[in-house]
N, C-alpha and C. Protein backbone atom coordinates (compact mmCIF):
# COMPACT_ATOMS: atom_id res chain seq x y z
N MET A 1 0.84 -1.20 0.00
CA MET A 1 0.00 0.00 0.00
C MET A 1 0.87 1.24 0.00
N SER A 2 0.45 2.24 -0.69
CA SER A 2 1.19 3.49 -0.78
C SER A 2 1.27 4.18 0.57
N ALA A 3 2.33 4.98 0.76
CA ALA A 3 2.46 5.75 1.99
C ALA A 3 1.66 7.04 1.94
N SER A 4 1.01 7.30 0.84
CA SER A 4 0.21 8.52 0.71
C SER A 4 -1.05 8.44 1.53
N PRO A 5 -1.56 9.60 2.08
CA PRO A 5 -2.84 9.60 2.77
C PRO A 5 -4.00 9.23 1.86
N ASN A 6 -3.78 9.22 0.56
CA ASN A 6 -4.85 8.85 -0.36
C ASN A 6 -4.78 7.37 -0.77
N ALA A 7 -4.11 6.55 0.05
CA ALA A 7 -3.98 5.13 -0.25
C ALA A 7 -5.36 4.49 -0.38
N ARG A 8 -5.40 3.42 -1.14
CA ARG A 8 -6.67 2.81 -1.52
C ARG A 8 -7.47 2.31 -0.33
N GLY A 9 -6.84 1.65 0.62
CA GLY A 9 -7.56 1.13 1.76
C GLY A 9 -8.44 -0.04 1.39
N VAL A 10 -9.59 -0.16 2.07
CA VAL A 10 -10.52 -1.27 1.89
C VAL A 10 -11.89 -0.71 1.56
N ASP A 11 -12.68 -1.45 0.81
CA ASP A 11 -14.04 -1.05 0.44
C ASP A 11 -14.78 -0.52 1.67
N PRO A 12 -15.19 0.76 1.68
CA PRO A 12 -15.87 1.32 2.85
C PRO A 12 -17.13 0.56 3.25
N ALA A 13 -17.86 0.01 2.28
CA ALA A 13 -19.08 -0.73 2.61
C ALA A 13 -18.74 -1.99 3.41
N LEU A 14 -17.64 -2.64 3.06
CA LEU A 14 -17.22 -3.82 3.78
C LEU A 14 -16.80 -3.46 5.20
N ILE A 15 -16.04 -2.40 5.36
CA ILE A 15 -15.61 -1.99 6.69
C ILE A 15 -16.80 -1.52 7.53
N ALA A 16 -17.73 -0.81 6.92
CA ALA A 16 -18.93 -0.38 7.66
C ALA A 16 -19.69 -1.59 8.19
N GLY A 17 -19.84 -2.62 7.35
CA GLY A 17 -20.52 -3.82 7.80
C GLY A 17 -19.76 -4.53 8.89
N TRP A 18 -18.42 -4.58 8.75
CA TRP A 18 -17.61 -5.22 9.79
C TRP A 18 -17.72 -4.48 11.11
N VAL A 19 -17.64 -3.16 11.09
CA VAL A 19 -17.71 -2.39 12.34
C VAL A 19 -19.06 -2.62 13.02
N ALA A 20 -20.14 -2.63 12.25
CA ALA A 20 -21.47 -2.86 12.83
C ALA A 20 -21.58 -4.26 13.40
N ALA A 21 -21.08 -5.26 12.66
CA ALA A 21 -21.16 -6.64 13.13
C ALA A 21 -20.28 -6.85 14.36
N ARG A 22 -19.09 -6.25 14.37
CA ARG A 22 -18.21 -6.38 15.53
C ARG A 22 -18.85 -5.77 16.76
N SER A 23 -19.48 -4.63 16.61
CA SER A 23 -20.15 -4.00 17.76
C SER A 23 -21.24 -4.92 18.31
N CYS A 24 -21.97 -5.56 17.41
CA CYS A 24 -22.99 -6.51 17.82
C CYS A 24 -22.36 -7.68 18.55
N ALA A 25 -21.30 -8.25 17.99
CA ALA A 25 -20.65 -9.42 18.58
C ALA A 25 -20.07 -9.13 19.96
N ARG A 26 -19.68 -7.87 20.20
CA ARG A 26 -19.07 -7.52 21.48
C ARG A 26 -20.03 -6.82 22.44
N GLY A 27 -21.25 -6.60 22.00
CA GLY A 27 -22.23 -5.97 22.87
C GLY A 27 -21.91 -4.55 23.23
N VAL A 28 -21.30 -3.81 22.29
CA VAL A 28 -20.99 -2.40 22.52
C VAL A 28 -21.88 -1.53 21.64
N ALA A 29 -21.77 -0.23 21.80
CA ALA A 29 -22.63 0.70 21.07
C ALA A 29 -22.47 0.55 19.57
N ALA A 30 -23.55 0.77 18.86
CA ALA A 30 -23.51 0.73 17.40
C ALA A 30 -22.65 1.88 16.88
N PRO A 31 -21.96 1.69 15.76
CA PRO A 31 -21.10 2.74 15.21
C PRO A 31 -21.89 3.95 14.73
N ILE A 32 -21.25 5.11 14.81
CA ILE A 32 -21.83 6.38 14.37
C ILE A 32 -20.88 6.99 13.34
N GLY A 33 -21.39 7.48 12.24
CA GLY A 33 -20.55 8.15 11.25
C GLY A 33 -19.90 9.38 11.84
N ASP A 34 -18.59 9.54 11.62
CA ASP A 34 -17.86 10.65 12.23
C ASP A 34 -16.57 10.90 11.45
N HIS A 35 -16.36 12.14 10.96
CA HIS A 35 -15.13 12.54 10.26
C HIS A 35 -14.81 11.63 9.07
N GLY A 36 -15.82 11.13 8.41
CA GLY A 36 -15.58 10.28 7.26
C GLY A 36 -15.33 8.83 7.59
N GLY A 37 -15.34 8.49 8.89
CA GLY A 37 -15.19 7.10 9.33
C GLY A 37 -16.34 6.74 10.25
N TRP A 38 -16.06 5.92 11.24
CA TRP A 38 -17.08 5.50 12.20
C TRP A 38 -16.52 5.60 13.60
N ARG A 39 -17.36 6.04 14.54
CA ARG A 39 -16.98 6.12 15.94
C ARG A 39 -17.79 5.11 16.74
N VAL A 40 -17.11 4.36 17.61
CA VAL A 40 -17.78 3.42 18.50
C VAL A 40 -17.50 3.86 19.93
N ASP A 41 -18.53 4.21 20.66
CA ASP A 41 -18.37 4.69 22.04
C ASP A 41 -18.36 3.50 22.99
N THR A 42 -17.17 2.93 23.19
CA THR A 42 -17.04 1.72 23.99
C THR A 42 -17.17 1.96 25.49
N ARG A 43 -16.61 3.06 25.97
CA ARG A 43 -16.73 3.47 27.37
C ARG A 43 -16.32 2.37 28.35
N SER A 44 -15.21 1.69 28.06
CA SER A 44 -14.69 0.69 28.98
C SER A 44 -13.59 1.31 29.83
N ASP A 45 -13.06 0.52 30.77
CA ASP A 45 -11.99 1.03 31.63
C ASP A 45 -10.74 1.37 30.83
N LEU A 46 -10.53 0.69 29.71
CA LEU A 46 -9.30 0.88 28.93
C LEU A 46 -9.51 1.67 27.66
N GLU A 47 -10.76 1.92 27.30
CA GLU A 47 -11.03 2.59 26.03
C GLU A 47 -12.28 3.45 26.13
N TRP A 48 -12.10 4.75 25.89
CA TRP A 48 -13.24 5.65 25.91
C TRP A 48 -14.06 5.51 24.62
N CYS A 49 -13.36 5.52 23.50
CA CYS A 49 -14.02 5.29 22.22
C CYS A 49 -12.96 4.95 21.18
N ARG A 50 -13.42 4.50 20.01
CA ARG A 50 -12.50 4.24 18.91
C ARG A 50 -13.09 4.80 17.62
N TYR A 51 -12.21 5.24 16.74
CA TYR A 51 -12.58 5.69 15.41
C TYR A 51 -11.97 4.72 14.40
N ILE A 52 -12.74 4.33 13.42
CA ILE A 52 -12.29 3.38 12.41
C ILE A 52 -12.44 4.00 11.03
N PHE A 53 -11.39 3.85 10.20
CA PHE A 53 -11.40 4.41 8.85
C PHE A 53 -11.04 3.33 7.84
N ALA A 54 -11.71 3.37 6.70
CA ALA A 54 -11.47 2.38 5.65
C ALA A 54 -10.18 2.66 4.87
N ARG A 55 -9.64 3.86 5.00
CA ARG A 55 -8.38 4.18 4.32
C ARG A 55 -7.73 5.36 5.02
N ALA A 56 -6.45 5.55 4.77
CA ALA A 56 -5.75 6.72 5.29
C ALA A 56 -6.29 7.97 4.60
N ASP A 57 -6.71 8.93 5.39
CA ASP A 57 -7.34 10.14 4.85
C ASP A 57 -6.91 11.34 5.68
N ARG A 58 -6.76 12.48 5.04
CA ARG A 58 -6.31 13.68 5.77
C ARG A 58 -7.29 14.11 6.85
N GLU A 59 -8.53 13.67 6.76
CA GLU A 59 -9.50 14.00 7.80
C GLU A 59 -9.08 13.42 9.15
N ILE A 60 -8.28 12.36 9.12
CA ILE A 60 -7.78 11.77 10.36
C ILE A 60 -6.91 12.77 11.12
N SER A 61 -6.10 13.53 10.41
CA SER A 61 -5.27 14.55 11.05
C SER A 61 -6.14 15.60 11.75
N THR A 62 -7.20 16.02 11.06
CA THR A 62 -8.11 17.00 11.66
C THR A 62 -8.75 16.43 12.92
N LEU A 63 -9.21 15.18 12.84
CA LEU A 63 -9.84 14.55 13.99
C LEU A 63 -8.87 14.45 15.16
N ALA A 64 -7.66 13.95 14.92
CA ALA A 64 -6.71 13.73 16.01
C ALA A 64 -6.42 15.00 16.78
N ARG A 65 -6.43 16.14 16.10
CA ARG A 65 -6.12 17.40 16.77
C ARG A 65 -7.32 17.97 17.52
N THR A 66 -8.49 17.35 17.39
CA THR A 66 -9.65 17.77 18.19
C THR A 66 -9.82 16.93 19.44
N ILE A 67 -9.07 15.83 19.56
CA ILE A 67 -9.23 14.91 20.69
C ILE A 67 -8.42 15.41 21.86
N GLY A 68 -9.06 15.58 23.00
CA GLY A 68 -8.40 16.15 24.17
C GLY A 68 -8.50 15.28 25.40
N ARG A 69 -8.59 13.98 25.23
CA ARG A 69 -8.64 13.08 26.37
C ARG A 69 -7.89 11.79 26.04
N PRO A 70 -7.43 11.06 27.08
CA PRO A 70 -6.76 9.78 26.86
C PRO A 70 -7.75 8.67 26.52
N GLN A 71 -7.21 7.51 26.21
CA GLN A 71 -7.99 6.28 25.97
C GLN A 71 -8.90 6.38 24.74
N VAL A 72 -8.44 7.11 23.73
CA VAL A 72 -9.14 7.17 22.45
C VAL A 72 -8.25 6.53 21.40
N PHE A 73 -8.81 5.60 20.65
CA PHE A 73 -8.08 4.90 19.61
C PHE A 73 -8.52 5.38 18.23
N ILE A 74 -7.57 5.49 17.33
CA ILE A 74 -7.86 5.67 15.91
C ILE A 74 -7.29 4.47 15.19
N LYS A 75 -8.11 3.82 14.36
CA LYS A 75 -7.73 2.61 13.66
C LYS A 75 -8.01 2.80 12.17
N VAL A 76 -7.04 2.44 11.34
CA VAL A 76 -7.12 2.74 9.91
C VAL A 76 -6.65 1.54 9.10
N CYS A 77 -7.34 1.27 8.01
CA CYS A 77 -6.90 0.25 7.05
C CYS A 77 -5.73 0.84 6.26
N ALA A 78 -4.56 0.76 6.85
CA ALA A 78 -3.36 1.39 6.28
C ALA A 78 -2.14 0.84 6.99
N THR A 79 -0.98 1.14 6.47
CA THR A 79 0.26 0.74 7.13
C THR A 79 0.53 1.64 8.33
N ASP A 80 1.45 1.19 9.20
CA ASP A 80 1.85 2.01 10.33
C ASP A 80 2.42 3.35 9.86
N ALA A 81 3.18 3.32 8.78
CA ALA A 81 3.77 4.55 8.26
C ALA A 81 2.70 5.53 7.81
N ASP A 82 1.67 5.01 7.14
CA ASP A 82 0.56 5.87 6.73
C ASP A 82 -0.11 6.51 7.94
N MET A 83 -0.32 5.70 8.97
CA MET A 83 -0.97 6.20 10.18
C MET A 83 -0.12 7.30 10.83
N LEU A 84 1.14 7.03 11.05
CA LEU A 84 2.01 7.99 11.74
C LEU A 84 2.12 9.30 10.99
N ALA A 85 2.05 9.25 9.67
CA ALA A 85 2.14 10.47 8.87
C ALA A 85 0.96 11.39 9.08
N LEU A 86 -0.11 10.88 9.65
CA LEU A 86 -1.34 11.67 9.82
C LEU A 86 -1.57 12.15 11.25
N LEU A 87 -0.75 11.68 12.19
CA LEU A 87 -1.02 11.95 13.60
C LEU A 87 0.01 12.85 14.25
N PRO A 88 -0.38 13.58 15.30
CA PRO A 88 0.62 14.32 16.09
C PRO A 88 1.63 13.34 16.68
N ASN A 89 2.81 13.85 17.03
CA ASN A 89 3.90 12.99 17.47
C ASN A 89 3.64 12.26 18.78
N ASP A 90 2.71 12.77 19.61
CA ASP A 90 2.52 12.18 20.93
C ASP A 90 1.52 11.02 20.95
N TRP A 91 1.00 10.64 19.80
CA TRP A 91 0.14 9.47 19.73
C TRP A 91 1.00 8.20 19.72
N ALA A 92 0.52 7.13 20.39
CA ALA A 92 1.30 5.90 20.55
C ALA A 92 0.79 4.81 19.60
N LEU A 93 1.67 4.37 18.73
CA LEU A 93 1.32 3.31 17.80
C LEU A 93 1.11 2.00 18.56
N GLN A 94 0.08 1.23 18.20
CA GLN A 94 -0.23 -0.05 18.83
C GLN A 94 0.17 -1.20 17.91
N ALA A 95 -0.02 -2.42 18.39
CA ALA A 95 0.36 -3.59 17.60
C ALA A 95 -0.39 -3.63 16.28
N ARG A 96 0.32 -3.93 15.22
CA ARG A 96 -0.25 -4.00 13.87
C ARG A 96 -1.15 -5.23 13.74
N CYS A 97 -2.24 -5.07 12.99
CA CYS A 97 -3.10 -6.19 12.64
C CYS A 97 -3.34 -6.20 11.14
N TRP A 98 -4.22 -7.09 10.69
CA TRP A 98 -4.46 -7.27 9.27
C TRP A 98 -5.95 -7.47 9.00
N VAL A 99 -6.49 -6.77 8.01
CA VAL A 99 -7.85 -6.99 7.56
C VAL A 99 -7.79 -8.13 6.54
N MET A 100 -8.59 -9.19 6.79
CA MET A 100 -8.57 -10.35 5.92
C MET A 100 -9.98 -10.75 5.51
N THR A 101 -10.10 -11.32 4.32
CA THR A 101 -11.39 -11.80 3.84
C THR A 101 -11.23 -13.22 3.32
N ALA A 102 -12.34 -13.96 3.38
CA ALA A 102 -12.35 -15.33 2.86
C ALA A 102 -12.58 -15.28 1.36
N THR A 103 -11.75 -15.98 0.63
CA THR A 103 -11.86 -15.95 -0.83
C THR A 103 -12.15 -17.33 -1.42
N VAL A 104 -12.06 -18.38 -0.58
CA VAL A 104 -12.37 -19.74 -1.04
C VAL A 104 -13.18 -20.44 0.04
N ASP A 105 -13.92 -21.46 -0.34
CA ASP A 105 -14.64 -22.27 0.64
C ASP A 105 -13.64 -23.12 1.41
N PRO A 106 -13.75 -23.17 2.74
CA PRO A 106 -12.78 -23.95 3.52
C PRO A 106 -12.97 -25.45 3.33
N THR A 107 -11.88 -26.19 3.47
CA THR A 107 -11.98 -27.65 3.45
C THR A 107 -12.57 -28.14 4.77
N HIS A 108 -13.34 -29.20 4.71
CA HIS A 108 -13.95 -29.74 5.92
C HIS A 108 -12.94 -30.61 6.67
N ARG A 109 -12.85 -30.40 7.99
CA ARG A 109 -12.01 -31.24 8.82
C ARG A 109 -12.85 -31.74 9.99
N PRO A 110 -12.82 -33.03 10.27
CA PRO A 110 -13.59 -33.54 11.41
C PRO A 110 -13.01 -33.03 12.72
N LEU A 111 -13.86 -32.88 13.72
CA LEU A 111 -13.40 -32.44 15.03
C LEU A 111 -12.54 -33.53 15.66
N ALA A 112 -11.46 -33.11 16.29
CA ALA A 112 -10.55 -34.07 16.92
C ALA A 112 -11.31 -34.95 17.91
N ALA A 113 -10.90 -36.20 18.00
CA ALA A 113 -11.59 -37.18 18.83
C ALA A 113 -11.67 -36.72 20.29
N GLY A 114 -12.85 -36.89 20.87
CA GLY A 114 -13.05 -36.58 22.28
C GLY A 114 -13.49 -35.16 22.57
N TYR A 115 -13.32 -34.25 21.61
CA TYR A 115 -13.71 -32.86 21.80
C TYR A 115 -15.20 -32.68 21.47
N ARG A 116 -15.83 -31.74 22.16
CA ARG A 116 -17.25 -31.47 21.94
C ARG A 116 -17.45 -30.02 21.54
N LEU A 117 -18.26 -29.81 20.51
CA LEU A 117 -18.52 -28.48 19.96
C LEU A 117 -19.96 -28.07 20.25
N ARG A 118 -20.13 -26.83 20.71
CA ARG A 118 -21.47 -26.29 20.94
C ARG A 118 -21.58 -24.94 20.25
N VAL A 119 -22.71 -24.71 19.60
CA VAL A 119 -22.97 -23.44 18.92
C VAL A 119 -24.27 -22.86 19.46
N ASP A 120 -24.25 -21.59 19.87
CA ASP A 120 -25.42 -20.89 20.38
C ASP A 120 -25.54 -19.56 19.66
N GLU A 121 -26.76 -19.03 19.62
CA GLU A 121 -26.98 -17.69 19.08
C GLU A 121 -27.92 -16.93 20.00
N THR A 122 -27.49 -15.73 20.40
CA THR A 122 -28.28 -14.88 21.29
C THR A 122 -28.24 -13.46 20.78
N ASP A 123 -29.39 -12.91 20.48
CA ASP A 123 -29.51 -11.52 20.02
C ASP A 123 -28.57 -11.24 18.84
N GLY A 124 -28.49 -12.19 17.92
CA GLY A 124 -27.69 -11.99 16.72
C GLY A 124 -26.22 -12.32 16.86
N VAL A 125 -25.78 -12.68 18.07
CA VAL A 125 -24.38 -13.04 18.31
C VAL A 125 -24.25 -14.56 18.30
N ILE A 126 -23.42 -15.07 17.42
CA ILE A 126 -23.19 -16.51 17.32
C ILE A 126 -21.93 -16.85 18.11
N ALA A 127 -22.03 -17.85 18.97
CA ALA A 127 -20.89 -18.28 19.78
C ALA A 127 -20.64 -19.76 19.54
N ALA A 128 -19.40 -20.12 19.25
CA ALA A 128 -18.99 -21.51 19.10
C ALA A 128 -17.95 -21.82 20.17
N THR A 129 -18.16 -22.90 20.92
CA THR A 129 -17.26 -23.28 22.00
C THR A 129 -16.90 -24.74 21.87
N ILE A 130 -15.63 -25.06 22.05
CA ILE A 130 -15.16 -26.43 22.03
C ILE A 130 -14.62 -26.78 23.42
N VAL A 131 -15.09 -27.91 23.93
CA VAL A 131 -14.66 -28.41 25.24
C VAL A 131 -13.77 -29.63 25.04
N ALA A 132 -12.71 -29.70 25.80
CA ALA A 132 -11.75 -30.81 25.71
C ALA A 132 -12.33 -32.08 26.31
N PRO A 133 -11.72 -33.22 26.06
CA PRO A 133 -12.21 -34.48 26.63
C PRO A 133 -12.32 -34.46 28.15
N ASP A 134 -11.47 -33.68 28.82
CA ASP A 134 -11.53 -33.61 30.28
C ASP A 134 -12.50 -32.56 30.79
N GLY A 135 -13.25 -31.92 29.88
CA GLY A 135 -14.26 -30.95 30.27
C GLY A 135 -13.77 -29.53 30.37
N THR A 136 -12.49 -29.28 30.13
CA THR A 136 -11.96 -27.93 30.22
C THR A 136 -12.11 -27.20 28.89
N PHE A 137 -11.99 -25.87 28.95
CA PHE A 137 -12.10 -25.05 27.75
C PHE A 137 -10.98 -25.37 26.78
N ALA A 138 -11.33 -25.46 25.48
CA ALA A 138 -10.32 -25.72 24.46
C ALA A 138 -10.25 -24.60 23.42
N ALA A 139 -11.40 -24.12 22.94
CA ALA A 139 -11.40 -23.08 21.90
C ALA A 139 -12.77 -22.44 21.83
N SER A 140 -12.80 -21.23 21.27
CA SER A 140 -14.08 -20.54 21.11
C SER A 140 -13.95 -19.44 20.08
N GLY A 141 -15.08 -18.91 19.67
CA GLY A 141 -15.11 -17.79 18.74
C GLY A 141 -16.51 -17.25 18.62
N TYR A 142 -16.61 -16.05 18.05
CA TYR A 142 -17.90 -15.38 17.91
C TYR A 142 -18.03 -14.85 16.50
N ALA A 143 -19.27 -14.58 16.11
CA ALA A 143 -19.52 -13.98 14.80
C ALA A 143 -20.85 -13.25 14.85
N ALA A 144 -21.02 -12.33 13.93
CA ALA A 144 -22.29 -11.62 13.77
C ALA A 144 -22.41 -11.24 12.30
N GLU A 145 -23.65 -11.08 11.85
CA GLU A 145 -23.91 -10.81 10.44
C GLU A 145 -24.75 -9.54 10.29
N THR A 146 -24.29 -8.67 9.42
CA THR A 146 -25.08 -7.50 9.04
C THR A 146 -25.45 -7.67 7.57
N ALA A 147 -26.06 -6.67 6.99
CA ALA A 147 -26.47 -6.77 5.59
C ALA A 147 -25.26 -6.98 4.70
N GLY A 148 -25.07 -8.20 4.22
CA GLY A 148 -24.01 -8.48 3.27
C GLY A 148 -22.64 -8.73 3.85
N VAL A 149 -22.49 -8.72 5.19
CA VAL A 149 -21.18 -8.92 5.81
C VAL A 149 -21.31 -9.89 6.98
N PHE A 150 -20.41 -10.89 7.02
CA PHE A 150 -20.36 -11.85 8.13
C PHE A 150 -18.99 -11.69 8.77
N ALA A 151 -18.96 -11.24 10.03
CA ALA A 151 -17.70 -10.91 10.71
C ALA A 151 -17.39 -11.92 11.79
N TYR A 152 -16.15 -12.40 11.79
CA TYR A 152 -15.65 -13.30 12.83
C TYR A 152 -14.92 -12.48 13.88
N ASP A 153 -14.98 -12.92 15.14
CA ASP A 153 -14.40 -12.12 16.21
C ASP A 153 -13.91 -13.02 17.34
N ARG A 154 -12.77 -12.68 17.91
CA ARG A 154 -12.23 -13.34 19.11
C ARG A 154 -12.15 -14.86 18.95
N ILE A 155 -11.46 -15.29 17.92
CA ILE A 155 -11.22 -16.72 17.71
C ILE A 155 -10.00 -17.10 18.56
N VAL A 156 -10.21 -17.95 19.55
CA VAL A 156 -9.16 -18.27 20.53
C VAL A 156 -9.06 -19.78 20.72
N THR A 157 -7.83 -20.28 20.77
CA THR A 157 -7.58 -21.67 21.13
C THR A 157 -6.64 -21.70 22.33
N SER A 158 -6.99 -22.46 23.34
CA SER A 158 -6.13 -22.59 24.52
C SER A 158 -4.76 -23.13 24.11
N PRO A 159 -3.68 -22.60 24.68
CA PRO A 159 -2.34 -23.08 24.33
C PRO A 159 -2.19 -24.60 24.49
N ASP A 160 -2.91 -25.19 25.44
CA ASP A 160 -2.81 -26.64 25.67
C ASP A 160 -3.47 -27.47 24.57
N HIS A 161 -4.22 -26.80 23.69
CA HIS A 161 -4.99 -27.55 22.69
C HIS A 161 -4.73 -27.05 21.27
N GLN A 162 -3.63 -26.37 21.07
CA GLN A 162 -3.32 -25.86 19.73
C GLN A 162 -2.79 -26.97 18.83
N ARG A 163 -2.80 -26.69 17.51
CA ARG A 163 -2.33 -27.62 16.49
C ARG A 163 -3.16 -28.90 16.41
N ARG A 164 -4.46 -28.76 16.71
CA ARG A 164 -5.37 -29.90 16.58
C ARG A 164 -6.56 -29.56 15.70
N GLY A 165 -6.44 -28.43 14.98
CA GLY A 165 -7.51 -28.04 14.07
C GLY A 165 -8.73 -27.44 14.74
N LEU A 166 -8.60 -27.03 16.00
CA LEU A 166 -9.77 -26.53 16.72
C LEU A 166 -10.19 -25.14 16.22
N GLY A 167 -9.19 -24.31 15.88
CA GLY A 167 -9.54 -23.00 15.33
C GLY A 167 -10.30 -23.14 14.03
N HIS A 168 -9.87 -24.08 13.21
CA HIS A 168 -10.56 -24.36 11.95
C HIS A 168 -11.99 -24.82 12.24
N ALA A 169 -12.16 -25.68 13.25
CA ALA A 169 -13.49 -26.18 13.59
C ALA A 169 -14.41 -25.06 14.08
N VAL A 170 -13.86 -24.15 14.88
CA VAL A 170 -14.66 -23.01 15.36
C VAL A 170 -15.09 -22.16 14.18
N MET A 171 -14.17 -21.85 13.28
CA MET A 171 -14.50 -21.04 12.11
C MET A 171 -15.58 -21.70 11.26
N GLY A 172 -15.45 -23.02 11.06
CA GLY A 172 -16.44 -23.72 10.26
C GLY A 172 -17.80 -23.73 10.90
N ALA A 173 -17.84 -23.89 12.23
CA ALA A 173 -19.11 -23.90 12.94
C ALA A 173 -19.80 -22.54 12.85
N LEU A 174 -19.03 -21.49 12.99
CA LEU A 174 -19.59 -20.14 12.88
C LEU A 174 -20.09 -19.90 11.46
N ARG A 175 -19.29 -20.27 10.49
CA ARG A 175 -19.65 -20.05 9.08
C ARG A 175 -20.95 -20.77 8.73
N GLY A 176 -21.17 -21.91 9.35
CA GLY A 176 -22.38 -22.67 9.08
C GLY A 176 -23.66 -21.98 9.53
N GLN A 177 -23.52 -20.91 10.32
CA GLN A 177 -24.69 -20.18 10.81
C GLN A 177 -25.02 -18.95 9.97
N ARG A 178 -24.30 -18.72 8.89
CA ARG A 178 -24.62 -17.57 8.04
C ARG A 178 -26.03 -17.68 7.50
N ARG A 179 -26.76 -16.58 7.57
CA ARG A 179 -28.11 -16.56 6.99
C ARG A 179 -28.05 -16.40 5.48
N ASP A 180 -27.08 -15.63 5.01
CA ASP A 180 -26.94 -15.35 3.58
C ASP A 180 -25.61 -15.88 3.09
N ALA A 181 -25.64 -16.89 2.24
CA ALA A 181 -24.40 -17.48 1.74
C ALA A 181 -23.57 -16.50 0.93
N ALA A 182 -24.17 -15.39 0.50
CA ALA A 182 -23.44 -14.39 -0.28
C ALA A 182 -22.75 -13.35 0.61
N SER A 183 -23.00 -13.37 1.91
CA SER A 183 -22.37 -12.40 2.81
C SER A 183 -20.85 -12.51 2.74
N ARG A 184 -20.18 -11.37 2.64
CA ARG A 184 -18.73 -11.37 2.60
C ARG A 184 -18.17 -11.63 3.99
N GLU A 185 -17.19 -12.51 4.06
CA GLU A 185 -16.60 -12.91 5.34
C GLU A 185 -15.35 -12.07 5.61
N ILE A 186 -15.25 -11.55 6.83
CA ILE A 186 -14.16 -10.65 7.18
C ILE A 186 -13.75 -10.85 8.62
N LEU A 187 -12.49 -10.60 8.90
CA LEU A 187 -11.98 -10.56 10.26
C LEU A 187 -10.75 -9.68 10.30
N VAL A 188 -10.34 -9.31 11.50
CA VAL A 188 -9.08 -8.59 11.70
C VAL A 188 -8.18 -9.50 12.52
N ALA A 189 -6.99 -9.80 12.00
CA ALA A 189 -6.10 -10.78 12.60
C ALA A 189 -4.82 -10.13 13.12
N THR A 190 -4.28 -10.71 14.19
CA THR A 190 -2.94 -10.36 14.64
C THR A 190 -1.92 -10.98 13.69
N ASP A 191 -0.64 -10.70 13.92
CA ASP A 191 0.40 -11.33 13.10
C ASP A 191 0.31 -12.86 13.21
N GLN A 192 0.12 -13.36 14.44
CA GLN A 192 0.03 -14.80 14.63
C GLN A 192 -1.22 -15.36 13.96
N GLY A 193 -2.36 -14.67 14.12
CA GLY A 193 -3.59 -15.13 13.51
C GLY A 193 -3.52 -15.11 12.00
N ARG A 194 -2.79 -14.15 11.46
CA ARG A 194 -2.68 -14.06 10.00
C ARG A 194 -2.16 -15.36 9.40
N ALA A 195 -1.19 -15.97 10.05
CA ALA A 195 -0.64 -17.22 9.54
C ALA A 195 -1.70 -18.32 9.52
N LEU A 196 -2.49 -18.40 10.59
CA LEU A 196 -3.56 -19.41 10.65
C LEU A 196 -4.57 -19.20 9.54
N TYR A 197 -5.05 -17.98 9.40
CA TYR A 197 -6.12 -17.73 8.43
C TYR A 197 -5.62 -17.86 6.99
N THR A 198 -4.36 -17.51 6.77
CA THR A 198 -3.80 -17.70 5.44
C THR A 198 -3.80 -19.19 5.08
N SER A 199 -3.50 -20.03 6.07
CA SER A 199 -3.50 -21.47 5.82
C SER A 199 -4.90 -22.00 5.53
N LEU A 200 -5.92 -21.24 5.94
CA LEU A 200 -7.31 -21.64 5.69
C LEU A 200 -7.85 -21.02 4.40
N GLY A 201 -7.00 -20.30 3.66
CA GLY A 201 -7.42 -19.75 2.39
C GLY A 201 -7.88 -18.31 2.44
N TRP A 202 -7.66 -17.63 3.57
CA TRP A 202 -8.03 -16.22 3.67
C TRP A 202 -6.97 -15.35 3.01
N THR A 203 -7.38 -14.14 2.61
CA THR A 203 -6.51 -13.21 1.90
C THR A 203 -6.42 -11.88 2.65
N VAL A 204 -5.21 -11.36 2.78
CA VAL A 204 -5.01 -10.04 3.39
C VAL A 204 -5.49 -8.96 2.43
N GLN A 205 -6.36 -8.09 2.92
CA GLN A 205 -6.82 -6.95 2.14
C GLN A 205 -6.04 -5.68 2.46
N SER A 206 -5.58 -5.57 3.70
CA SER A 206 -4.86 -4.36 4.10
C SER A 206 -4.23 -4.58 5.46
N ALA A 207 -3.14 -3.85 5.71
CA ALA A 207 -2.68 -3.70 7.08
C ALA A 207 -3.73 -2.91 7.85
N TYR A 208 -3.75 -3.06 9.16
CA TYR A 208 -4.73 -2.37 10.00
C TYR A 208 -3.96 -1.72 11.14
N ALA A 209 -3.71 -0.42 11.00
CA ALA A 209 -2.90 0.32 11.96
C ALA A 209 -3.77 0.89 13.07
N SER A 210 -3.19 1.00 14.25
CA SER A 210 -3.92 1.49 15.42
C SER A 210 -3.03 2.41 16.24
N ALA A 211 -3.61 3.49 16.74
CA ALA A 211 -2.85 4.43 17.58
C ALA A 211 -3.73 4.91 18.73
N LEU A 212 -3.08 5.20 19.85
CA LEU A 212 -3.76 5.60 21.08
C LEU A 212 -3.41 7.03 21.42
N SER A 213 -4.42 7.79 21.84
CA SER A 213 -4.21 9.19 22.22
C SER A 213 -3.29 9.29 23.43
N PRO A 214 -2.64 10.45 23.62
CA PRO A 214 -1.70 10.60 24.74
C PRO A 214 -2.36 10.35 26.09
N ALA A 215 -1.57 9.78 27.02
CA ALA A 215 -2.10 9.49 28.36
C ALA A 215 -2.30 10.76 29.18
N VAL A 216 -1.50 11.79 28.87
CA VAL A 216 -1.57 13.04 29.63
C VAL A 216 -1.66 14.20 28.66
N TYR A 217 -2.58 15.11 28.92
CA TYR A 217 -2.72 16.33 28.12
C TYR A 217 -2.32 17.53 28.96
N ALA A 218 -1.71 18.49 28.31
CA ALA A 218 -1.28 19.71 29.01
C ALA A 218 -2.50 20.48 29.47
């Protein structure tokens, strides 16, 4: 991706659907259009709110200079360099992630012997949980669907149960709950997660940069 603020980024309709579905999956406030992106008022102990943008845009610079409190995140479908070029020097860059989409149908893998899978849906949030043979937690994940977008969220496998295809099983179970087979599948992955999803046939659409407002203001 170009280092210019006019970099291509990701289809705004796809990101809008992902932000809405993620908010649903996490039980936080619905996104609000703001400065050409979306604002989610999370109001947690660690995060006051977050702004999400589908591409690096000069409006981000304007926004950052209006923010006068800590615990505000700006997240952009762009490289870290693109992000830093738009922000005041006192903003703190966070760990890089990746916007990824499914481009092929996954191969079916049977659940490892002795493990049990449960899928529930509550208020539009789909939860898949895998329990180990001894009854302890092994893996889980969540998903939610908006108009035309199916978003995966918080796919986790316990370190004691990795390399047994459980993440793949969770993803498949969630995918099986899609109401619309045409919905575009999307997630945001860490560096470690990127390797897993690439092995499942997912494709990186963009780097996903994140920065945090200063902890102390003059």
